[in-house]
Amino acid sequence: MAIKDKKQPLYMISVVAEMLHVHPQTLRLYEREGLITPKRTKRLRLYSEEDVERLDMILRLTRELGVNKAGVEVILRMRHRLEAMQKEMEKMMDLLEDDIRRDFAERLRKVLMEE
């Protein structure tokens, strides 16, 4: 079973609008405002799974929580920074784990050499 690429453009605007129960003009507006950037093939907008998830979050923020456009932009920017920090922490943890593994291997080698 292949792993699905969430960034691959798959859906046309009409499909996304139907999925999210919004008018296609709403999606165009969000694009104009810079909240979403679907891929373009000539004049055709294609949305990825990641785009749909982002749009769903924007709609939940505005509909359910009453967040305005400026608030949505701040939240999206903070979310992006948080994800970047999470990735950086994961890299640091991998390096730390590598150091711990190397240290353990070195100690084990020394113990085995003493015997």
N, C-alpha and C. Protein backbone atom coordinates (compact mmCIF):
# COMPACT_ATOMS: atom_id res chain seq x y z
N MET A 1 0.83 -1.18 0.00
CA MET A 1 0.00 0.00 0.00
C MET A 1 0.88 1.26 0.00
N ALA A 2 0.67 2.13 -0.95
CA ALA A 2 1.49 3.33 -1.10
C ALA A 2 1.09 4.39 -0.08
N ILE A 3 2.09 5.15 0.37
CA ILE A 3 1.82 6.25 1.30
C ILE A 3 1.31 7.42 0.49
N LYS A 4 0.23 8.00 0.93
CA LYS A 4 -0.41 9.10 0.23
C LYS A 4 0.35 10.41 0.45
N ASP A 5 0.65 11.11 -0.65
CA ASP A 5 1.32 12.41 -0.56
C ASP A 5 0.26 13.48 -0.36
N LYS A 6 0.25 14.09 0.82
CA LYS A 6 -0.79 15.07 1.16
C LYS A 6 -0.62 16.37 0.39
N LYS A 7 0.52 16.56 -0.26
CA LYS A 7 0.77 17.79 -1.01
C LYS A 7 0.42 17.66 -2.50
N GLN A 8 0.11 16.45 -2.93
CA GLN A 8 -0.20 16.24 -4.35
C GLN A 8 -1.54 16.87 -4.71
N PRO A 9 -1.56 17.76 -5.72
CA PRO A 9 -2.82 18.39 -6.13
C PRO A 9 -3.76 17.36 -6.76
N LEU A 10 -4.97 17.29 -6.21
CA LEU A 10 -5.92 16.26 -6.66
C LEU A 10 -7.30 16.80 -7.03
N TYR A 11 -7.78 17.77 -6.27
CA TYR A 11 -9.19 18.15 -6.35
C TYR A 11 -9.39 19.49 -7.05
N MET A 12 -10.40 19.52 -7.91
CA MET A 12 -10.79 20.78 -8.55
C MET A 12 -11.61 21.60 -7.55
N ILE A 13 -11.73 22.89 -7.84
CA ILE A 13 -12.39 23.80 -6.91
C ILE A 13 -13.83 23.38 -6.62
N SER A 14 -14.54 22.88 -7.63
CA SER A 14 -15.94 22.48 -7.42
C SER A 14 -16.04 21.31 -6.45
N VAL A 15 -15.08 20.40 -6.53
CA VAL A 15 -15.08 19.24 -5.63
C VAL A 15 -14.79 19.68 -4.20
N VAL A 16 -13.80 20.55 -4.03
CA VAL A 16 -13.45 21.03 -2.69
C VAL A 16 -14.61 21.84 -2.10
N ALA A 17 -15.22 22.67 -2.91
CA ALA A 17 -16.36 23.46 -2.44
C ALA A 17 -17.47 22.54 -1.94
N GLU A 18 -17.73 21.48 -2.67
CA GLU A 18 -18.77 20.53 -2.26
C GLU A 18 -18.35 19.79 -0.99
N MET A 19 -17.09 19.38 -0.93
CA MET A 19 -16.60 18.66 0.26
C MET A 19 -16.76 19.50 1.52
N LEU A 20 -16.50 20.81 1.40
CA LEU A 20 -16.49 21.68 2.57
C LEU A 20 -17.79 22.48 2.73
N HIS A 21 -18.73 22.25 1.83
CA HIS A 21 -20.03 22.93 1.89
C HIS A 21 -19.90 24.44 1.84
N VAL A 22 -19.09 24.90 0.89
CA VAL A 22 -18.94 26.34 0.67
C VAL A 22 -19.10 26.62 -0.83
N HIS A 23 -19.31 27.88 -1.15
CA HIS A 23 -19.39 28.29 -2.54
C HIS A 23 -17.96 28.39 -3.08
N PRO A 24 -17.72 28.03 -4.34
CA PRO A 24 -16.39 28.16 -4.92
C PRO A 24 -15.81 29.57 -4.78
N GLN A 25 -16.69 30.57 -4.78
CA GLN A 25 -16.22 31.95 -4.63
C GLN A 25 -15.53 32.17 -3.28
N THR A 26 -15.98 31.45 -2.27
CA THR A 26 -15.34 31.53 -0.95
C THR A 26 -13.90 31.06 -1.04
N LEU A 27 -13.68 29.98 -1.78
CA LEU A 27 -12.32 29.46 -1.94
C LEU A 27 -11.46 30.43 -2.74
N ARG A 28 -12.05 31.04 -3.74
CA ARG A 28 -11.31 32.05 -4.53
C ARG A 28 -10.93 33.24 -3.64
N LEU A 29 -11.86 33.64 -2.78
CA LEU A 29 -11.61 34.75 -1.86
C LEU A 29 -10.45 34.41 -0.91
N TYR A 30 -10.47 33.21 -0.35
CA TYR A 30 -9.40 32.78 0.54
C TYR A 30 -8.05 32.77 -0.19
N GLU A 31 -8.09 32.40 -1.46
CA GLU A 31 -6.85 32.42 -2.25
C GLU A 31 -6.38 33.86 -2.46
N ARG A 32 -7.28 34.75 -2.82
CA ARG A 32 -6.92 36.16 -3.02
C ARG A 32 -6.34 36.78 -1.75
N GLU A 33 -6.89 36.37 -0.60
CA GLU A 33 -6.43 36.89 0.68
C GLU A 33 -5.15 36.22 1.18
N GLY A 34 -4.67 35.23 0.42
CA GLY A 34 -3.41 34.58 0.77
C GLY A 34 -3.52 33.51 1.84
N LEU A 35 -4.74 33.10 2.17
CA LEU A 35 -4.91 32.08 3.20
C LEU A 35 -4.63 30.68 2.65
N ILE A 36 -4.75 30.52 1.34
CA ILE A 36 -4.54 29.23 0.70
C ILE A 36 -3.93 29.47 -0.68
N THR A 37 -3.08 28.56 -1.11
CA THR A 37 -2.47 28.69 -2.43
C THR A 37 -2.54 27.36 -3.17
N PRO A 38 -3.67 27.10 -3.83
CA PRO A 38 -3.77 25.86 -4.60
C PRO A 38 -2.81 25.89 -5.78
N LYS A 39 -2.46 24.72 -6.27
CA LYS A 39 -1.60 24.63 -7.45
C LYS A 39 -2.42 25.04 -8.67
N ARG A 40 -1.74 25.56 -9.67
CA ARG A 40 -2.41 26.00 -10.89
C ARG A 40 -1.91 25.19 -12.08
N THR A 41 -2.84 24.76 -12.90
CA THR A 41 -2.55 24.14 -14.18
C THR A 41 -3.32 24.96 -15.20
N LYS A 42 -2.60 25.85 -15.87
CA LYS A 42 -3.22 26.84 -16.75
C LYS A 42 -4.21 27.64 -15.90
N ARG A 43 -5.50 27.54 -16.15
CA ARG A 43 -6.48 28.31 -15.37
C ARG A 43 -7.15 27.45 -14.29
N LEU A 44 -6.80 26.19 -14.23
CA LEU A 44 -7.44 25.25 -13.32
C LEU A 44 -6.74 25.24 -11.96
N ARG A 45 -7.53 25.41 -10.90
CA ARG A 45 -7.00 25.31 -9.54
C ARG A 45 -7.10 23.86 -9.10
N LEU A 46 -6.02 23.35 -8.54
CA LEU A 46 -6.03 22.00 -8.00
C LEU A 46 -5.59 22.03 -6.55
N TYR A 47 -6.42 21.46 -5.69
CA TYR A 47 -6.19 21.46 -4.25
C TYR A 47 -5.68 20.10 -3.80
N SER A 48 -4.73 20.12 -2.89
CA SER A 48 -4.20 18.89 -2.31
C SER A 48 -4.99 18.54 -1.05
N GLU A 49 -4.73 17.38 -0.52
CA GLU A 49 -5.34 16.97 0.75
C GLU A 49 -4.93 17.94 1.85
N GLU A 50 -3.68 18.38 1.81
CA GLU A 50 -3.18 19.36 2.78
C GLU A 50 -3.95 20.68 2.67
N ASP A 51 -4.22 21.11 1.43
CA ASP A 51 -5.00 22.34 1.21
C ASP A 51 -6.41 22.21 1.79
N VAL A 52 -7.02 21.04 1.56
CA VAL A 52 -8.38 20.81 2.05
C VAL A 52 -8.39 20.84 3.58
N GLU A 53 -7.39 20.23 4.21
CA GLU A 53 -7.30 20.25 5.67
C GLU A 53 -7.14 21.68 6.19
N ARG A 54 -6.32 22.46 5.51
CA ARG A 54 -6.10 23.85 5.90
C ARG A 54 -7.40 24.64 5.76
N LEU A 55 -8.11 24.45 4.65
CA LEU A 55 -9.39 25.13 4.43
C LEU A 55 -10.41 24.73 5.49
N ASP A 56 -10.43 23.45 5.83
CA ASP A 56 -11.36 22.97 6.86
C ASP A 56 -11.06 23.66 8.19
N MET A 57 -9.78 23.80 8.51
CA MET A 57 -9.42 24.48 9.75
C MET A 57 -9.84 25.96 9.70
N ILE A 58 -9.61 26.62 8.57
CA ILE A 58 -10.01 28.02 8.42
C ILE A 58 -11.51 28.16 8.62
N LEU A 59 -12.27 27.27 8.02
CA LEU A 59 -13.73 27.33 8.14
C LEU A 59 -14.18 27.07 9.57
N ARG A 60 -13.55 26.13 10.26
CA ARG A 60 -13.91 25.88 11.65
C ARG A 60 -13.58 27.09 12.53
N LEU A 61 -12.44 27.71 12.28
CA LEU A 61 -12.07 28.89 13.05
C LEU A 61 -13.08 30.02 12.85
N THR A 62 -13.49 30.23 11.61
CA THR A 62 -14.39 31.35 11.34
C THR A 62 -15.82 31.03 11.73
N ARG A 63 -16.29 29.83 11.41
CA ARG A 63 -17.69 29.47 11.67
C ARG A 63 -17.96 29.15 13.14
N GLU A 64 -17.14 28.26 13.69
CA GLU A 64 -17.42 27.77 15.04
C GLU A 64 -16.87 28.67 16.14
N LEU A 65 -15.75 29.31 15.86
CA LEU A 65 -15.10 30.10 16.91
C LEU A 65 -15.20 31.60 16.69
N GLY A 66 -15.72 32.00 15.53
CA GLY A 66 -15.92 33.43 15.26
C GLY A 66 -14.63 34.21 15.06
N VAL A 67 -13.57 33.53 14.64
CA VAL A 67 -12.29 34.20 14.43
C VAL A 67 -12.35 34.98 13.12
N ASN A 68 -11.86 36.23 13.13
CA ASN A 68 -11.85 37.02 11.91
C ASN A 68 -10.63 36.69 11.06
N LYS A 69 -10.54 37.30 9.86
CA LYS A 69 -9.46 37.01 8.92
C LYS A 69 -8.09 37.26 9.54
N ALA A 70 -7.93 38.37 10.23
CA ALA A 70 -6.63 38.69 10.85
C ALA A 70 -6.26 37.63 11.88
N GLY A 71 -7.24 37.19 12.66
CA GLY A 71 -7.00 36.14 13.65
C GLY A 71 -6.62 34.83 13.00
N VAL A 72 -7.29 34.51 11.90
CA VAL A 72 -6.98 33.28 11.16
C VAL A 72 -5.54 33.34 10.66
N GLU A 73 -5.13 34.48 10.12
CA GLU A 73 -3.76 34.62 9.62
C GLU A 73 -2.75 34.41 10.74
N VAL A 74 -3.01 34.98 11.91
CA VAL A 74 -2.11 34.83 13.06
C VAL A 74 -2.04 33.36 13.47
N ILE A 75 -3.18 32.71 13.56
CA ILE A 75 -3.23 31.31 13.97
C ILE A 75 -2.49 30.43 12.97
N LEU A 76 -2.70 30.67 11.68
CA LEU A 76 -2.02 29.88 10.65
C LEU A 76 -0.51 30.09 10.71
N ARG A 77 -0.10 31.32 10.92
CA ARG A 77 1.34 31.62 11.01
C ARG A 77 1.94 30.94 12.24
N MET A 78 1.23 31.00 13.38
CA MET A 78 1.71 30.35 14.60
C MET A 78 1.77 28.83 14.42
N ARG A 79 0.78 28.29 13.75
CA ARG A 79 0.75 26.84 13.51
C ARG A 79 1.93 26.43 12.64
N HIS A 80 2.22 27.24 11.62
CA HIS A 80 3.36 26.95 10.74
C HIS A 80 4.67 26.97 11.55
N ARG A 81 4.82 27.97 12.40
CA ARG A 81 6.04 28.07 13.23
C ARG A 81 6.14 26.89 14.19
N LEU A 82 5.01 26.51 14.77
CA LEU A 82 5.00 25.38 15.69
C LEU A 82 5.42 24.09 14.99
N GLU A 83 4.90 23.88 13.77
CA GLU A 83 5.27 22.69 13.01
C GLU A 83 6.76 22.70 12.68
N ALA A 84 7.29 23.87 12.31
CA ALA A 84 8.72 23.98 12.01
C ALA A 84 9.55 23.68 13.25
N MET A 85 9.13 24.20 14.40
CA MET A 85 9.84 23.94 15.65
C MET A 85 9.78 22.46 16.02
N GLN A 86 8.64 21.84 15.78
CA GLN A 86 8.48 20.41 16.07
C GLN A 86 9.46 19.58 15.23
N LYS A 87 9.56 19.93 13.94
CA LYS A 87 10.50 19.22 13.07
C LYS A 87 11.93 19.41 13.54
N GLU A 88 12.26 20.63 13.93
CA GLU A 88 13.61 20.92 14.42
C GLU A 88 13.89 20.13 15.70
N MET A 89 12.92 20.05 16.59
CA MET A 89 13.10 19.27 17.83
C MET A 89 13.29 17.79 17.52
N GLU A 90 12.55 17.28 16.54
CA GLU A 90 12.71 15.88 16.16
C GLU A 90 14.11 15.61 15.63
N LYS A 91 14.64 16.55 14.83
CA LYS A 91 16.01 16.42 14.34
C LYS A 91 17.01 16.42 15.50
N MET A 92 16.79 17.33 16.45
CA MET A 92 17.68 17.42 17.60
C MET A 92 17.62 16.14 18.43
N MET A 93 16.42 15.59 18.59
CA MET A 93 16.27 14.35 19.36
C MET A 93 16.98 13.20 18.65
N ASP A 94 16.89 13.17 17.32
CA ASP A 94 17.60 12.13 16.57
C ASP A 94 19.10 12.24 16.79
N LEU A 95 19.61 13.49 16.73
CA LEU A 95 21.04 13.70 16.97
C LEU A 95 21.43 13.29 18.38
N LEU A 96 20.60 13.66 19.35
CA LEU A 96 20.86 13.30 20.74
C LEU A 96 20.86 11.78 20.90
N GLU A 97 19.89 11.13 20.28
CA GLU A 97 19.82 9.68 20.37
C GLU A 97 21.06 9.06 19.73
N ASP A 98 21.51 9.63 18.59
CA ASP A 98 22.73 9.13 17.95
C ASP A 98 23.92 9.27 18.89
N ASP A 99 24.01 10.43 19.57
CA ASP A 99 25.11 10.65 20.51
C ASP A 99 25.04 9.64 21.66
N ILE A 100 23.86 9.40 22.17
CA ILE A 100 23.69 8.45 23.28
C ILE A 100 24.06 7.05 22.81
N ARG A 101 23.64 6.68 21.59
CA ARG A 101 23.99 5.37 21.05
C ARG A 101 25.51 5.23 20.89
N ARG A 102 26.14 6.28 20.35
CA ARG A 102 27.60 6.24 20.17
C ARG A 102 28.30 6.13 21.53
N ASP A 103 27.81 6.89 22.50
CA ASP A 103 28.40 6.85 23.83
C ASP A 103 28.26 5.45 24.43
N PHE A 104 27.08 4.87 24.28
CA PHE A 104 26.84 3.53 24.81
C PHE A 104 27.75 2.52 24.11
N ALA A 105 27.85 2.62 22.78
CA ALA A 105 28.70 1.69 22.03
C ALA A 105 30.16 1.83 22.45
N GLU A 106 30.59 3.07 22.67
CA GLU A 106 31.97 3.31 23.10
C GLU A 106 32.21 2.72 24.49
N ARG A 107 31.28 2.92 25.40
CA ARG A 107 31.42 2.36 26.76
C ARG A 107 31.43 0.84 26.72
N LEU A 108 30.55 0.29 25.90
CA LEU A 108 30.47 -1.17 25.76
C LEU A 108 31.78 -1.71 25.19
N ARG A 109 32.32 -1.03 24.20
CA ARG A 109 33.60 -1.45 23.60
C ARG A 109 34.71 -1.43 24.64
N LYS A 110 34.73 -0.38 25.47
CA LYS A 110 35.76 -0.29 26.51
C LYS A 110 35.62 -1.41 27.52
N VAL A 111 34.40 -1.71 27.92
CA VAL A 111 34.16 -2.79 28.88
C VAL A 111 34.61 -4.12 28.30
N LEU A 112 34.27 -4.36 27.04
CA LEU A 112 34.65 -5.62 26.40
C LEU A 112 36.16 -5.74 26.22
N MET A 113 36.82 -4.62 26.01
CA MET A 113 38.29 -4.63 25.84
C MET A 113 38.98 -4.91 27.17
N GLU A 114 38.36 -4.52 28.29
CA GLU A 114 38.95 -4.71 29.62
C GLU A 114 38.93 -6.17 30.01
N GLU A 115 38.01 -6.92 29.47
CA GLU A 115 37.89 -8.33 29.88
C GLU A 115 38.92 -9.20 29.29
